[in-house]
Amino acid sequence: MGVLQFMRSRVEGFFQSSDPEDELIDYVVDIIEPKLKLVKGYRNRLREPIERCRAHCRAIVTEIPGPIKLRRNGHGSDPFLRAAFTKSETLDNLLNQADLVRTSASLYGTDRVALLTMTSREKTIFGRKQLGNMMVTETAMRAVTFTDHAIVGLSTTLASSRKALEKYTLDIIAEAVARELSEARTRLVDLSQRQVRLRAMEKMFGTAKGAGMGCVFVPYDPEQSKKKKEVERLLAETEDQLVSARSRSETQEDWLTIAVECLSRPDDIMDMRLISLRLNWKNVLTDDPSEKADTITFATFTLADEMQREGVFVEFELR
């Protein structure tokens, strides 16, 4: 073994641990920023926040409704499937895609359980509606559609699918923290570059006592004093922001602090709530007790208040 290979193996071995909790911490750190391992005591600082994230992920997965049985020969009598798959070919295509991974070494048999995820959208439609003894035409109604169907956490049992989804949601949280850290570091770079530009502009206006007469780069301008003051104001503002940013995100110790703070609030990153909708056969929302309709319940996942997906556990059999 060469010297470089020996040193590399020693460094890599330094961070390895036989403790499952330590291995999980290192796994999360590798997603967020591997250089966090260079901070002394990083595992101790991350242990509690990561355990909080794991508990949050377990709570989310435990509350997901289902499983609902999927059948190739139609939606059957389940109201959720009738609402989620308005076109039978959508369900067929989804199951055909699941068939493609049947040869995976980690999966056996033909029984499958997974999380079905979708995007829900509300839209206004106009149609006839019964109001008492009168039929009213061109009535505005809210209809719900489900699109972008996908399967996540494909497994052979509900328990193993839930376990896979707990890891999947933890990965999502870790990736969100990585983006938060990257944005903080990018802001620091942007502020540094802005400071350099403003300092150059300040010099162009001149700083000597005779600067009011202009300088070689800037022709004489009666408004020069006002422009110079604006540059000085922007420079002072930028330097204050830069000092603040450096105090929070300049060193690897600062990066670890950001990671700890974000991981300590996993519900701010990813949240889930149960939604129940009462829909008629046209997927129109209704609260009229006399109208024939079904109530469907599903989970709504929200990522940092930016992305939203709906989901429910499903079970089916491969061909």
C-alpha atoms as a PDB file:
ATOM      1  CA  MET A   1       0.000   0.000   0.000  1.00  0.00           C
ATOM      2  CA  GLY A   2       1.338   3.422  -0.977  1.00  0.00           C
ATOM      3  CA  VAL A   3       1.764   6.257   1.492  1.00  0.00           C
ATOM      4  CA  LEU A   4      -1.206   8.229   0.124  1.00  0.00           C
ATOM      5  CA  GLN A   5      -3.480   5.173   0.168  1.00  0.00           C
ATOM      6  CA  PHE A   6      -2.371   4.391   3.738  1.00  0.00           C
ATOM      7  CA  MET A   7      -3.113   7.940   4.906  1.00  0.00           C
ATOM      8  CA  ARG A   8      -6.475   7.940   3.158  1.00  0.00           C
ATOM      9  CA  SER A   9      -7.481   4.646   4.784  1.00  0.00           C
ATOM     10  CA  ARG A  10      -6.422   5.975   8.201  1.00  0.00           C
ATOM     11  CA  VAL A  11      -8.491   9.164   7.740  1.00  0.00           C
ATOM     12  CA  GLU A  12     -11.548   7.249   6.509  1.00  0.00           C
ATOM     13  CA  GLY A  13     -11.211   4.753   9.328  1.00  0.00           C
ATOM     14  CA  PHE A  14     -11.038   7.575  11.864  1.00  0.00           C
ATOM     15  CA  PHE A  15     -14.654   8.498  11.142  1.00  0.00           C
ATOM     16  CA  GLN A  16     -16.013   4.961  10.949  1.00  0.00           C
ATOM     17  CA  SER A  17     -17.918   3.554  13.919  1.00  0.00           C
ATOM     18  CA  SER A  18     -19.482   0.236  14.790  1.00  0.00           C
ATOM     19  CA  ASP A  19     -22.213   2.013  16.779  1.00  0.00           C
ATOM     20  CA  PRO A  20     -25.457   2.056  14.700  1.00  0.00           C
ATOM     21  CA  GLU A  21     -26.376   5.495  16.067  1.00  0.00           C
ATOM     22  CA  ASP A  22     -22.969   6.886  15.123  1.00  0.00           C
ATOM     23  CA  GLU A  23     -23.287   5.328  11.670  1.00  0.00           C
ATOM     24  CA  LEU A  24     -26.665   7.002  11.220  1.00  0.00           C
ATOM     25  CA  ILE A  25     -25.226  10.367  12.277  1.00  0.00           C
ATOM     26  CA  ASP A  26     -22.381   9.975   9.782  1.00  0.00           C
ATOM     27  CA  TYR A  27     -24.880   8.977   7.094  1.00  0.00           C
ATOM     28  CA  VAL A  28     -26.873  12.186   7.665  1.00  0.00           C
ATOM     29  CA  VAL A  29     -23.679  14.274   7.828  1.00  0.00           C
ATOM     30  CA  ASP A  30     -22.549  12.858   4.470  1.00  0.00           C
ATOM     31  CA  ILE A  31     -25.791  14.170   2.962  1.00  0.00           C
ATOM     32  CA  ILE A  32     -25.577  17.603   4.585  1.00  0.00           C
ATOM     33  CA  GLU A  33     -21.830  18.341   4.434  1.00  0.00           C
ATOM     34  CA  PRO A  34     -19.067  15.742   5.007  1.00  0.00           C
ATOM     35  CA  LYS A  35     -16.702  18.440   6.291  1.00  0.00           C
ATOM     36  CA  LEU A  36     -18.828  18.651   9.438  1.00  0.00           C
ATOM     37  CA  LYS A  37     -16.931  15.564  10.583  1.00  0.00           C
ATOM     38  CA  LEU A  38     -13.883  17.780  11.062  1.00  0.00           C
ATOM     39  CA  VAL A  39     -15.622  19.592  13.950  1.00  0.00           C
ATOM     40  CA  LYS A  40     -14.726  18.107  17.303  1.00  0.00           C
ATOM     41  CA  GLY A  41     -17.680  16.447  19.012  1.00  0.00           C
ATOM     42  CA  TYR A  42     -19.956  16.700  15.967  1.00  0.00           C
ATOM     43  CA  ARG A  43     -21.679  13.397  16.772  1.00  0.00           C
ATOM     44  CA  ASN A  44     -22.583  14.462  20.310  1.00  0.00           C
ATOM     45  CA  ARG A  45     -24.071  17.709  19.058  1.00  0.00           C
ATOM     46  CA  LEU A  46     -26.083  15.997  16.319  1.00  0.00           C
ATOM     47  CA  ARG A  47     -27.256  12.964  18.272  1.00  0.00           C
ATOM     48  CA  GLU A  48     -30.344  14.520  19.868  1.00  0.00           C
ATOM     49  CA  PRO A  49     -31.471  16.556  16.811  1.00  0.00           C
ATOM     50  CA  ILE A  50     -31.198  13.514  14.524  1.00  0.00           C
ATOM     51  CA  GLU A  51     -33.123  11.360  16.993  1.00  0.00           C
ATOM     52  CA  ARG A  52     -35.800  14.062  17.011  1.00  0.00           C
ATOM     53  CA  CYS A  53     -35.911  13.848  13.222  1.00  0.00           C
ATOM     54  CA  ARG A  54     -36.226  10.070  13.348  1.00  0.00           C
ATOM     55  CA  ALA A  55     -39.137  10.318  15.798  1.00  0.00           C
ATOM     56  CA  HIS A  56     -40.781  12.911  13.535  1.00  0.00           C
ATOM     57  CA  CYS A  57     -40.376  10.641  10.500  1.00  0.00           C
ATOM     58  CA  ARG A  58     -41.830   7.658  12.371  1.00  0.00           C
ATOM     59  CA  ALA A  59     -44.813   9.730  13.486  1.00  0.00           C
ATOM     60  CA  ILE A  60     -45.472  10.867   9.924  1.00  0.00           C
ATOM     61  CA  VAL A  61     -45.283   7.382   8.423  1.00  0.00           C
ATOM     62  CA  THR A  62     -47.422   5.836  11.188  1.00  0.00           C
ATOM     63  CA  GLU A  63     -50.325   8.197  10.450  1.00  0.00           C
ATOM     64  CA  ILE A  64     -50.497   7.530   6.693  1.00  0.00           C
ATOM     65  CA  PRO A  65     -53.848   5.880   5.839  1.00  0.00           C
ATOM     66  CA  GLY A  66     -54.127   2.514   4.121  1.00  0.00           C
ATOM     67  CA  PRO A  67     -53.246   0.169   2.652  1.00  0.00           C
ATOM     68  CA  ILE A  68     -55.891   0.217  -0.080  1.00  0.00           C
ATOM     69  CA  LYS A  69     -56.072  -2.713  -2.487  1.00  0.00           C
ATOM     70  CA  LEU A  70     -55.229  -1.913  -6.119  1.00  0.00           C
ATOM     71  CA  ARG A  71     -56.719  -4.130  -8.832  1.00  0.00           C
ATOM     72  CA  ARG A  72     -55.891  -4.176 -12.507  1.00  0.00           C
ATOM     73  CA  ASN A  73     -59.419  -5.004 -13.564  1.00  0.00           C
ATOM     74  CA  GLY A  74     -60.860  -1.760 -12.263  1.00  0.00           C
ATOM     75  CA  HIS A  75     -61.153   0.530  -9.283  1.00  0.00           C
ATOM     76  CA  GLY A  76     -63.624  -1.711  -7.520  1.00  0.00           C
ATOM     77  CA  SER A  77     -65.836  -0.173  -4.901  1.00  0.00           C
ATOM     78  CA  ASP A  78     -63.199   1.916  -3.128  1.00  0.00           C
ATOM     79  CA  PRO A  79     -64.176   5.607  -3.289  1.00  0.00           C
ATOM     80  CA  PHE A  80     -60.588   6.823  -2.901  1.00  0.00           C
ATOM     81  CA  LEU A  81     -59.425   4.934  -5.992  1.00  0.00           C
ATOM     82  CA  ARG A  82     -62.384   6.209  -8.023  1.00  0.00           C
ATOM     83  CA  ALA A  83     -61.405   9.745  -7.075  1.00  0.00           C
ATOM     84  CA  ALA A  84     -57.638   9.285  -7.519  1.00  0.00           C
ATOM     85  CA  PHE A  85     -57.764   7.448 -10.862  1.00  0.00           C
ATOM     86  CA  THR A  86     -60.341   9.020 -13.133  1.00  0.00           C
ATOM     87  CA  LYS A  87     -58.754   7.135 -16.049  1.00  0.00           C
ATOM     88  CA  SER A  88     -58.214   3.388 -15.722  1.00  0.00           C
ATOM     89  CA  GLU A  89     -55.096   3.493 -17.911  1.00  0.00           C
ATOM     90  CA  THR A  90     -53.381   5.666 -15.285  1.00  0.00           C
ATOM     91  CA  LEU A  91     -53.700   2.863 -12.746  1.00  0.00           C
ATOM     92  CA  ASP A  92     -52.600   0.261 -15.291  1.00  0.00           C
ATOM     93  CA  ASN A  93     -49.487   2.264 -16.189  1.00  0.00           C
ATOM     94  CA  LEU A  94     -48.599   2.652 -12.529  1.00  0.00           C
ATOM     95  CA  LEU A  95     -48.829  -1.069 -11.904  1.00  0.00           C
ATOM     96  CA  ASN A  96     -46.896  -1.848 -15.073  1.00  0.00           C
ATOM     97  CA  GLN A  97     -44.043   0.325 -13.794  1.00  0.00           C
ATOM     98  CA  ALA A  98     -44.071  -1.605 -10.530  1.00  0.00           C
ATOM     99  CA  ASP A  99     -43.728  -4.836 -12.526  1.00  0.00           C
ATOM    100  CA  LEU A 100     -40.407  -3.586 -13.898  1.00  0.00           C
ATOM    101  CA  VAL A 101     -38.716  -3.802 -10.470  1.00  0.00           C
ATOM    102  CA  ARG A 102     -39.988  -7.290  -9.566  1.00  0.00           C
ATOM    103  CA  THR A 103     -36.542  -8.767 -10.213  1.00  0.00           C
ATOM    104  CA  SER A 104     -34.899  -6.638  -7.498  1.00  0.00           C
ATOM    105  CA  ALA A 105     -32.792  -8.792  -5.183  1.00  0.00           C
ATOM    106  CA  SER A 106     -34.382  -7.180  -2.123  1.00  0.00           C
ATOM    107  CA  LEU A 107     -37.931  -8.084  -3.185  1.00  0.00           C
ATOM    108  CA  TYR A 108     -39.450 -11.538  -3.306  1.00  0.00           C
ATOM    109  CA  GLY A 109     -42.828 -13.009  -4.146  1.00  0.00           C
ATOM    110  CA  THR A 110     -45.563 -11.074  -5.908  1.00  0.00           C
ATOM    111  CA  ASP A 111     -47.226  -9.145  -3.048  1.00  0.00           C
ATOM    112  CA  ARG A 112     -46.285  -5.464  -2.892  1.00  0.00           C
ATOM    113  CA  VAL A 113     -46.999  -2.572  -0.528  1.00  0.00           C
ATOM    114  CA  ALA A 114     -46.006   1.039  -1.239  1.00  0.00           C
ATOM    115  CA  LEU A 115     -46.920   4.656  -0.714  1.00  0.00           C
ATOM    116  CA  LEU A 116     -48.966   6.042  -3.586  1.00  0.00           C
ATOM    117  CA  THR A 117     -48.239   9.764  -3.957  1.00  0.00           C
ATOM    118  CA  MET A 118     -50.088  12.289  -6.102  1.00  0.00           C
ATOM    119  CA  THR A 119     -50.586  15.980  -6.650  1.00  0.00           C
ATOM    120  CA  SER A 120     -54.072  17.313  -5.951  1.00  0.00           C
ATOM    121  CA  ARG A 121     -55.503  20.375  -7.612  1.00  0.00           C
ATOM    122  CA  GLU A 122     -58.756  22.225  -7.110  1.00  0.00           C
ATOM    123  CA  LYS A 123     -60.462  23.930 -10.013  1.00  0.00           C
ATOM    124  CA  THR A 124     -63.751  25.697 -10.547  1.00  0.00           C
ATOM    125  CA  ILE A 125     -66.234  24.065 -12.900  1.00  0.00           C
ATOM    126  CA  PHE A 126     -69.719  25.120 -13.905  1.00  0.00           C
ATOM    127  CA  GLY A 127     -72.679  22.784 -14.101  1.00  0.00           C
ATOM    128  CA  ARG A 128     -76.173  22.020 -12.935  1.00  0.00           C
ATOM    129  CA  LYS A 129     -76.915  21.718  -9.238  1.00  0.00           C
ATOM    130  CA  GLN A 130     -80.052  20.802  -7.339  1.00  0.00           C
ATOM    131  CA  LEU A 131     -81.027  23.466  -4.808  1.00  0.00           C
ATOM    132  CA  GLY A 132     -84.139  22.326  -2.991  1.00  0.00           C
ATOM    133  CA  ASN A 133     -86.813  21.759  -5.625  1.00  0.00           C
ATOM    134  CA  MET A 134     -84.970  23.830  -8.220  1.00  0.00           C
ATOM    135  CA  MET A 135     -82.286  22.807 -10.715  1.00  0.00           C
ATOM    136  CA  VAL A 136     -79.828  25.688 -11.100  1.00  0.00           C
ATOM    137  CA  THR A 137     -77.648  25.798 -14.214  1.00  0.00           C
ATOM    138  CA  GLU A 138     -74.167  27.297 -14.596  1.00  0.00           C
ATOM    139  CA  THR A 139     -73.445  26.936 -10.899  1.00  0.00           C
ATOM    140  CA  ALA A 140     -69.806  27.360  -9.838  1.00  0.00           C
ATOM    141  CA  MET A 141     -68.490  24.262  -8.075  1.00  0.00           C
ATOM    142  CA  ARG A 142     -65.059  23.141  -6.803  1.00  0.00           C
ATOM    143  CA  ALA A 143     -63.713  19.937  -8.266  1.00  0.00           C
ATOM    144  CA  VAL A 144     -60.596  18.016  -7.209  1.00  0.00           C
ATOM    145  CA  THR A 145     -58.255  16.181  -9.579  1.00  0.00           C
ATOM    146  CA  PHE A 146     -55.275  13.949  -8.775  1.00  0.00           C
ATOM    147  CA  THR A 147     -52.304  13.792 -11.137  1.00  0.00           C
ATOM    148  CA  ASP A 148     -48.586  12.877 -11.202  1.00  0.00           C
ATOM    149  CA  HIS A 149     -49.125   9.485  -9.582  1.00  0.00           C
ATOM    150  CA  ALA A 150     -45.989   7.727  -8.313  1.00  0.00           C
ATOM    151  CA  ILE A 151     -45.046   4.850  -6.043  1.00  0.00           C
ATOM    152  CA  VAL A 152     -42.525   5.261  -3.209  1.00  0.00           C
ATOM    153  CA  GLY A 153     -41.179   2.779  -0.672  1.00  0.00           C
ATOM    154  CA  LEU A 154     -42.043  -0.319  -2.697  1.00  0.00           C
ATOM    155  CA  SER A 155     -41.733  -3.381  -0.476  1.00  0.00           C
ATOM    156  CA  THR A 156     -43.283  -6.755   0.293  1.00  0.00           C
ATOM    157  CA  THR A 157     -45.000  -5.888   3.587  1.00  0.00           C
ATOM    158  CA  LEU A 158     -46.530  -2.833   5.199  1.00  0.00           C
ATOM    159  CA  ALA A 159     -43.942  -2.916   8.002  1.00  0.00           C
ATOM    160  CA  SER A 160     -40.971  -2.964   5.622  1.00  0.00           C
ATOM    161  CA  SER A 161     -42.521  -0.256   3.448  1.00  0.00           C
ATOM    162  CA  ARG A 162     -42.967   1.962   6.495  1.00  0.00           C
ATOM    163  CA  LYS A 163     -39.358   1.363   7.503  1.00  0.00           C
ATOM    164  CA  ALA A 164     -38.169   2.332   4.015  1.00  0.00           C
ATOM    165  CA  LEU A 165     -40.305   5.477   4.099  1.00  0.00           C
ATOM    166  CA  GLU A 166     -38.902   6.510   7.480  1.00  0.00           C
ATOM    167  CA  LYS A 167     -35.429   6.486   5.917  1.00  0.00           C
ATOM    168  CA  TYR A 168     -36.737   8.226   2.797  1.00  0.00           C
ATOM    169  CA  THR A 169     -38.299  11.071   4.786  1.00  0.00           C
ATOM    170  CA  LEU A 170     -35.123  11.415   6.876  1.00  0.00           C
ATOM    171  CA  ASP A 171     -33.158  11.732   3.620  1.00  0.00           C
ATOM    172  CA  ILE A 172     -35.522  14.496   2.476  1.00  0.00           C
ATOM    173  CA  ILE A 173     -35.017  16.412   5.727  1.00  0.00           C
ATOM    174  CA  ALA A 174     -31.223  16.023   5.505  1.00  0.00           C
ATOM    175  CA  GLU A 175     -31.229  17.241   1.892  1.00  0.00           C
ATOM    176  CA  ALA A 176     -33.306  20.256   2.913  1.00  0.00           C
ATOM    177  CA  VAL A 177     -30.746  21.074   5.619  1.00  0.00           C
ATOM    178  CA  ALA A 178     -27.983  20.727   3.019  1.00  0.00           C
ATOM    179  CA  ARG A 179     -29.764  23.302   0.836  1.00  0.00           C
ATOM    180  CA  GLU A 180     -30.179  25.636   3.824  1.00  0.00           C
ATOM    181  CA  LEU A 181     -26.467  25.412   4.566  1.00  0.00           C
ATOM    182  CA  SER A 182     -25.552  25.910   0.915  1.00  0.00           C
ATOM    183  CA  GLU A 183     -27.741  29.024   0.713  1.00  0.00           C
ATOM    184  CA  ALA A 184     -26.083  30.472   3.839  1.00  0.00           C
ATOM    185  CA  ARG A 185     -22.619  29.901   2.393  1.00  0.00           C
ATOM    186  CA  THR A 186     -23.666  31.298  -0.992  1.00  0.00           C
ATOM    187  CA  ARG A 187     -25.035  34.427   0.687  1.00  0.00           C
ATOM    188  CA  LEU A 188     -21.677  34.930   2.390  1.00  0.00           C
ATOM    189  CA  VAL A 189     -19.899  34.744  -0.977  1.00  0.00           C
ATOM    190  CA  ASP A 190     -22.420  37.103  -2.592  1.00  0.00           C
ATOM    191  CA  LEU A 191     -22.013  39.676   0.180  1.00  0.00           C
ATOM    192  CA  SER A 192     -18.207  39.481  -0.080  1.00  0.00           C
ATOM    193  CA  GLN A 193     -18.372  40.089  -3.820  1.00  0.00           C
ATOM    194  CA  ARG A 194     -20.822  42.950  -3.337  1.00  0.00           C
ATOM    195  CA  GLN A 195     -18.480  44.521  -0.794  1.00  0.00           C
ATOM    196  CA  VAL A 196     -15.580  44.388  -3.285  1.00  0.00           C
ATOM    197  CA  ARG A 197     -17.683  46.058  -6.005  1.00  0.00           C
ATOM    198  CA  LEU A 198     -18.923  48.833  -3.702  1.00  0.00           C
ATOM    199  CA  ARG A 199     -15.423  49.530  -2.408  1.00  0.00           C
ATOM    200  CA  ALA A 200     -14.232  49.867  -6.000  1.00  0.00           C
ATOM    201  CA  MET A 201     -17.062  52.295  -6.732  1.00  0.00           C
ATOM    202  CA  GLU A 202     -16.207  54.293  -3.612  1.00  0.00           C
ATOM    203  CA  LYS A 203     -12.607  54.646  -4.802  1.00  0.00           C
ATOM    204  CA  MET A 204     -13.782  55.734  -8.235  1.00  0.00           C
ATOM    205  CA  PHE A 205     -15.595  58.648  -6.638  1.00  0.00           C
ATOM    206  CA  GLY A 206     -12.412  59.572  -4.766  1.00  0.00           C
ATOM    207  CA  THR A 207     -11.823  59.885  -1.054  1.00  0.00           C
ATOM    208  CA  ALA A 208      -9.476  62.890  -0.849  1.00  0.00           C
ATOM    209  CA  LYS A 209     -10.487  66.371   0.274  1.00  0.00           C
ATOM    210  CA  GLY A 210     -10.698  67.473  -3.327  1.00  0.00           C
ATOM    211  CA  ALA A 211     -12.956  64.608  -4.313  1.00  0.00           C
ATOM    212  CA  GLY A 212     -15.793  67.028  -4.891  1.00  0.00           C
ATOM    213  CA  MET A 213     -14.030  68.141  -8.075  1.00  0.00           C
ATOM    214  CA  GLY A 214     -14.287  64.606  -9.428  1.00  0.00           C
ATOM    215  CA  CYS A 215     -11.514  62.113 -10.178  1.00  0.00           C
ATOM    216  CA  VAL A 216      -9.873  60.610 -13.218  1.00  0.00           C
ATOM    217  CA  PHE A 217     -12.491  57.833 -13.517  1.00  0.00           C
ATOM    218  CA  VAL A 218     -15.617  59.898 -12.871  1.00  0.00           C
ATOM    219  CA  PRO A 219     -16.292  63.172 -14.750  1.00  0.00           C
ATOM    220  CA  TYR A 220     -17.326  66.140 -12.699  1.00  0.00           C
ATOM    221  CA  ASP A 221     -20.973  65.850 -11.771  1.00  0.00           C
ATOM    222  CA  PRO A 222     -22.893  68.222  -9.478  1.00  0.00           C
ATOM    223  CA  GLU A 223     -24.836  65.162  -8.273  1.00  0.00           C
ATOM    224  CA  GLN A 224     -21.604  63.323  -7.475  1.00  0.00           C
ATOM    225  CA  SER A 225     -21.826  64.003  -3.739  1.00  0.00           C
ATOM    226  CA  LYS A 226     -25.306  62.480  -3.575  1.00  0.00           C
ATOM    227  CA  LYS A 227     -24.214  59.408  -5.557  1.00  0.00           C
ATOM    228  CA  LYS A 228     -21.132  58.987  -3.396  1.00  0.00           C
ATOM    229  CA  LYS A 229     -23.224  59.088  -0.221  1.00  0.00           C
ATOM    230  CA  GLU A 230     -25.530  56.428  -1.636  1.00  0.00           C
ATOM    231  CA  VAL A 231     -22.550  54.169  -2.396  1.00  0.00           C
ATOM    232  CA  GLU A 232     -21.230  54.738   1.116  1.00  0.00           C
ATOM    233  CA  ARG A 233     -24.639  53.877   2.572  1.00  0.00           C
ATOM    234  CA  LEU A 234     -24.855  50.675   0.548  1.00  0.00           C
ATOM    235  CA  LEU A 235     -21.291  49.762   1.496  1.00  0.00           C
ATOM    236  CA  ALA A 236     -21.951  50.267   5.205  1.00  0.00           C
ATOM    237  CA  GLU A 237     -25.151  48.224   4.942  1.00  0.00           C
ATOM    238  CA  THR A 238     -23.358  45.428   3.086  1.00  0.00           C
ATOM    239  CA  GLU A 239     -20.499  45.352   5.579  1.00  0.00           C
ATOM    240  CA  ASP A 240     -22.962  45.045   8.469  1.00  0.00           C
ATOM    241  CA  GLN A 241     -24.698  42.173   6.697  1.00  0.00           C
ATOM    242  CA  LEU A 242     -21.335  40.574   5.964  1.00  0.00           C
ATOM    243  CA  VAL A 243     -20.283  40.728   9.606  1.00  0.00           C
ATOM    244  CA  SER A 244     -23.578  39.114  10.602  1.00  0.00           C
ATOM    245  CA  ALA A 245     -23.288  36.423   7.916  1.00  0.00           C
ATOM    246  CA  ARG A 246     -19.696  35.635   8.861  1.00  0.00           C
ATOM    247  CA  SER A 247     -20.646  35.221  12.485  1.00  0.00           C
ATOM    248  CA  ARG A 248     -23.181  32.565  11.478  1.00  0.00           C
ATOM    249  CA  SER A 249     -21.785  30.713   8.457  1.00  0.00           C
ATOM    250  CA  GLU A 250     -18.069  31.309   7.916  1.00  0.00           C
ATOM    251  CA  THR A 251     -16.486  28.362   9.740  1.00  0.00           C
ATOM    252  CA  GLN A 252     -17.199  24.640   9.870  1.00  0.00           C
ATOM    253  CA  GLU A 253     -18.262  25.165  13.488  1.00  0.00           C
ATOM    254  CA  ASP A 254     -20.860  27.649  12.198  1.00  0.00           C
ATOM    255  CA  TRP A 255     -22.029  25.101   9.613  1.00  0.00           C
ATOM    256  CA  LEU A 256     -22.564  22.541  12.362  1.00  0.00           C
ATOM    257  CA  THR A 257     -24.601  25.080  14.338  1.00  0.00           C
ATOM    258  CA  ILE A 258     -26.831  25.663  11.306  1.00  0.00           C
ATOM    259  CA  ALA A 259     -27.301  21.906  10.861  1.00  0.00           C
ATOM    260  CA  VAL A 260     -28.157  21.417  14.541  1.00  0.00           C
ATOM    261  CA  GLU A 261     -30.698  24.261  14.488  1.00  0.00           C
ATOM    262  CA  CYS A 262     -32.417  22.967  11.338  1.00  0.00           C
ATOM    263  CA  LEU A 263     -32.492  19.328  12.441  1.00  0.00           C
ATOM    264  CA  SER A 264     -33.943  20.393  15.792  1.00  0.00           C
ATOM    265  CA  ARG A 265     -37.064  21.643  13.963  1.00  0.00           C
ATOM    266  CA  PRO A 266     -37.930  18.843  11.503  1.00  0.00           C
ATOM    267  CA  ASP A 267     -41.610  19.841  11.425  1.00  0.00           C
ATOM    268  CA  ASP A 268     -40.557  23.183   9.904  1.00  0.00           C
ATOM    269  CA  ILE A 269     -39.008  21.242   7.026  1.00  0.00           C
ATOM    270  CA  MET A 270     -41.490  18.436   6.440  1.00  0.00           C
ATOM    271  CA  ASP A 271     -44.968  18.081   7.834  1.00  0.00           C
ATOM    272  CA  MET A 272     -47.980  15.849   7.310  1.00  0.00           C
ATOM    273  CA  ARG A 273     -51.649  16.202   8.069  1.00  0.00           C
ATOM    274  CA  LEU A 274     -54.696  14.088   7.314  1.00  0.00           C
ATOM    275  CA  ILE A 275     -57.265  15.515   4.913  1.00  0.00           C
ATOM    276  CA  SER A 276     -60.848  14.316   4.430  1.00  0.00           C
ATOM    277  CA  LEU A 277     -62.904  15.397   1.422  1.00  0.00           C
ATOM    278  CA  ARG A 278     -66.495  14.624   0.548  1.00  0.00           C
ATOM    279  CA  LEU A 279     -66.719  14.160  -3.220  1.00  0.00           C
ATOM    280  CA  ASN A 280     -69.537  13.195  -5.553  1.00  0.00           C
ATOM    281  CA  TRP A 281     -69.058  11.022  -8.635  1.00  0.00           C
ATOM    282  CA  LYS A 282     -67.625  13.993 -10.567  1.00  0.00           C
ATOM    283  CA  ASN A 283     -64.998  14.672  -7.863  1.00  0.00           C
ATOM    284  CA  VAL A 284     -66.927  17.814  -6.907  1.00  0.00           C
ATOM    285  CA  LEU A 285     -66.692  18.904  -3.287  1.00  0.00           C
ATOM    286  CA  THR A 286     -70.050  18.869  -1.543  1.00  0.00           C
ATOM    287  CA  ASP A 287     -71.368  19.354   1.972  1.00  0.00           C
ATOM    288  CA  ASP A 288     -74.984  18.656   1.018  1.00  0.00           C
ATOM    289  CA  PRO A 289     -76.084  15.633   3.123  1.00  0.00           C
ATOM    290  CA  SER A 290     -78.812  14.815   0.613  1.00  0.00           C
ATOM    291  CA  GLU A 291     -76.354  14.483  -2.267  1.00  0.00           C
ATOM    292  CA  LYS A 292     -74.807  11.097  -2.940  1.00  0.00           C
ATOM    293  CA  ALA A 293     -71.097  11.386  -2.196  1.00  0.00           C
ATOM    294  CA  ASP A 294     -68.193   9.587  -0.554  1.00  0.00           C
ATOM    295  CA  THR A 295     -65.670  10.817   2.006  1.00  0.00           C
ATOM    296  CA  ILE A 296     -62.049  10.017   1.220  1.00  0.00           C
ATOM    297  CA  THR A 297     -59.107  10.453   3.586  1.00  0.00           C
ATOM    298  CA  PHE A 298     -55.446  10.799   2.655  1.00  0.00           C
ATOM    299  CA  ALA A 299     -52.199  12.297   3.916  1.00  0.00           C
ATOM    300  CA  THR A 300     -50.932  15.646   2.697  1.00  0.00           C
ATOM    301  CA  PHE A 301     -47.163  16.090   2.880  1.00  0.00           C
ATOM    302  CA  THR A 302     -45.685  19.594   2.858  1.00  0.00           C
ATOM    303  CA  LEU A 303     -42.002  20.337   2.314  1.00  0.00           C
ATOM    304  CA  ALA A 304     -40.854  23.714   3.652  1.00  0.00           C
ATOM    305  CA  ASP A 305     -44.225  25.260   2.699  1.00  0.00           C
ATOM    306  CA  GLU A 306     -43.142  25.017  -0.942  1.00  0.00           C
ATOM    307  CA  MET A 307     -44.055  21.538  -2.189  1.00  0.00           C
ATOM    308  CA  GLN A 308     -47.133  19.504  -1.456  1.00  0.00           C
ATOM    309  CA  ARG A 309     -48.015  15.897  -2.256  1.00  0.00           C
ATOM    310  CA  GLU A 310     -50.885  13.653  -1.256  1.00  0.00           C
ATOM    311  CA  GLY A 311     -50.457  10.009  -0.334  1.00  0.00           C
ATOM    312  CA  VAL A 312     -51.923   6.768   0.940  1.00  0.00           C
ATOM    313  CA  PHE A 313     -50.570   3.252   1.381  1.00  0.00           C
ATOM    314  CA  VAL A 314     -51.615   0.783  -1.299  1.00  0.00           C
ATOM    315  CA  GLU A 315     -51.169  -2.945  -1.767  1.00  0.00           C
ATOM    316  CA  PHE A 316     -51.276  -4.952  -4.988  1.00  0.00           C
ATOM    317  CA  GLU A 317     -50.085  -8.136  -6.607  1.00  0.00           C
ATOM    318  CA  LEU A 318     -47.626  -8.386  -9.482  1.00  0.00           C
ATOM    319  CA  ARG A 319     -48.619 -10.295 -12.567  1.00  0.00           C
END
